[in-house]
Amino acid sequence: DGDYNAQGSSKRRLLDAKYWALTGGLFGSHVFDIETTYAFRRKYPGSSELNPIAGPLLATGRPAIYGVVAAMDAGIMYYAYHLRKKGSNKWWVIPVVLIGVESAIGIRNLKYLK
C-alpha cells in the first residue's frame, strides 16, 4: 500500500500531519513571496525581479506564476513522499529549506514596503 513506509512493521502513515503541514507551509511561503513581490513592484514600478525564472512569469500575471508554483510544489512534495516511503529520515529537508528561503524573501520585501 502506498500510504505506508518501507519499514512494514511500523506501518507509520506517510501522509501524516507533518507531511501536510510541510505541504501547506511550502505553498504558503510561495504565496507570501509572490504577493509581497507584487506589492513591492506596485510601490516601486521600475524595479526588476532578481530571480531570472520568476521575472517573466510575474509579468504574465498571477494565474501563470501560481500554476508554475503549484506544479513545482507538487513535484517537491512528491519527491519528499518518495524519500519518506524509502525510509529516509531526511525527506523533510528540501521543503523546510525552501520554506525558509521563500519566507526570508517575503520578509525582505515587507521591509521595503514600510
Protein backbone atom coordinates (compact mmCIF):
# COMPACT_ATOMS: atom_id res chain seq x y z
CA ASP A 1 0.00 0.00 0.00
CA GLY A 2 1.36 3.42 -0.94
CA ASP A 3 0.45 5.07 2.34
CA TYR A 4 2.97 3.22 4.47
CA ASN A 5 6.74 3.37 4.64
CA ALA A 6 9.28 0.75 3.61
CA GLN A 7 9.59 -0.47 7.19
CA GLY A 8 6.40 -2.52 7.04
CA SER A 9 6.48 -3.46 10.69
CA SER A 10 5.84 0.08 11.95
CA LYS A 11 3.06 0.85 9.46
CA ARG A 12 3.62 4.56 10.07
CA ARG A 13 1.45 6.58 7.71
CA LEU A 14 3.45 8.61 5.22
CA LEU A 15 0.81 11.24 4.51
CA ASP A 16 0.50 12.36 8.12
CA ALA A 17 0.11 15.77 9.74
CA LYS A 18 3.84 16.52 9.34
CA TYR A 19 3.69 15.89 5.62
CA TRP A 20 0.59 18.04 5.11
CA ALA A 21 1.95 20.81 7.35
CA LEU A 22 5.08 20.99 5.21
CA THR A 23 2.98 20.94 2.03
CA GLY A 24 0.88 23.85 3.30
CA GLY A 25 3.92 25.68 4.58
CA LEU A 26 5.69 25.34 1.26
CA PHE A 27 2.78 26.66 -0.76
CA GLY A 28 2.05 29.34 1.84
CA SER A 29 5.64 30.59 1.75
CA HIS A 30 5.44 30.82 -2.04
CA VAL A 31 2.18 32.80 -1.79
CA PHE A 32 3.84 35.12 0.74
CA ASP A 33 6.81 35.69 -1.59
CA ILE A 34 4.66 36.20 -4.69
CA GLU A 35 2.20 38.61 -3.09
CA THR A 36 4.87 40.70 -1.36
CA THR A 37 6.78 40.81 -4.67
CA TYR A 38 3.69 42.14 -6.47
CA ALA A 39 3.20 44.73 -3.69
CA PHE A 40 6.87 45.72 -3.95
CA ARG A 41 6.58 46.14 -7.72
CA ARG A 42 3.44 48.28 -7.31
CA LYS A 43 5.28 50.56 -4.88
CA TYR A 44 8.47 50.63 -6.98
CA PRO A 45 7.28 50.32 -10.60
CA GLY A 46 10.76 50.49 -12.11
CA SER A 47 12.08 47.62 -10.03
CA SER A 48 13.00 44.27 -11.53
CA GLU A 49 12.80 40.70 -10.23
CA LEU A 50 16.18 39.23 -9.28
CA ASN A 51 15.03 35.67 -9.97
CA PRO A 52 15.51 35.10 -13.73
CA ILE A 53 12.78 32.43 -13.81
CA ALA A 54 10.16 34.29 -11.78
CA GLY A 55 10.66 37.65 -13.52
CA PRO A 56 8.99 36.76 -16.82
CA LEU A 57 6.25 34.84 -15.01
CA LEU A 58 5.40 37.84 -12.83
CA ALA A 59 4.82 39.88 -15.97
CA THR A 60 2.26 37.35 -17.25
CA GLY A 61 0.15 37.60 -14.11
CA ARG A 62 -0.91 35.59 -11.12
CA PRO A 63 -2.51 32.61 -12.91
CA ALA A 64 0.72 31.76 -14.69
CA ILE A 65 3.00 32.10 -11.70
CA TYR A 66 0.64 30.26 -9.36
CA GLY A 67 0.30 27.46 -11.91
CA VAL A 68 4.07 27.06 -12.09
CA VAL A 69 4.46 27.27 -8.31
CA ALA A 70 1.69 24.70 -7.70
CA ALA A 71 3.32 22.27 -10.14
CA MET A 72 6.76 22.87 -8.63
CA ASP A 73 5.49 22.39 -5.07
CA ALA A 74 3.67 19.21 -6.08
CA GLY A 75 6.91 17.85 -7.54
CA ILE A 76 8.91 18.78 -4.45
CA MET A 77 6.39 17.16 -2.13
CA TYR A 78 6.15 14.07 -4.31
CA TYR A 79 9.93 13.72 -4.06
CA ALA A 80 9.69 14.17 -0.26
CA TYR A 81 6.99 11.47 -0.20
CA HIS A 82 9.20 9.18 -2.30
CA LEU A 83 12.14 9.67 0.06
CA ARG A 84 9.98 9.02 3.09
CA LYS A 85 8.49 5.90 1.53
CA LYS A 86 12.03 4.58 1.01
CA GLY A 87 12.68 5.10 4.71
CA SER A 88 14.80 8.26 4.54
CA ASN A 89 14.73 10.37 7.67
CA LYS A 90 15.82 13.41 5.61
CA TRP A 91 12.64 13.62 3.49
CA TRP A 92 11.69 16.94 5.09
CA VAL A 93 14.94 18.84 4.40
CA ILE A 94 14.18 20.26 0.94
CA PRO A 95 10.71 21.57 1.81
CA VAL A 96 11.98 23.14 5.05
CA VAL A 97 14.89 24.86 3.28
CA LEU A 98 12.57 26.22 0.59
CA ILE A 99 10.06 27.43 3.20
CA GLY A 100 12.90 29.30 4.89
CA VAL A 101 14.17 30.84 1.65
CA GLU A 102 10.75 31.92 0.39
CA SER A 103 9.80 33.31 3.81
CA ALA A 104 13.06 35.28 4.03
CA ILE A 105 12.40 36.78 0.59
CA GLY A 106 8.86 37.75 1.60
CA ILE A 107 10.13 39.33 4.83
CA ARG A 108 12.75 41.25 2.86
CA ASN A 109 10.02 42.52 0.52
CA LEU A 110 7.91 43.63 3.50
CA LYS A 111 10.87 45.51 4.94
CA TYR A 112 10.96 47.73 1.87
CA LEU A 113 7.19 48.21 1.78
CA LYS A 114 7.12 50.13 5.07
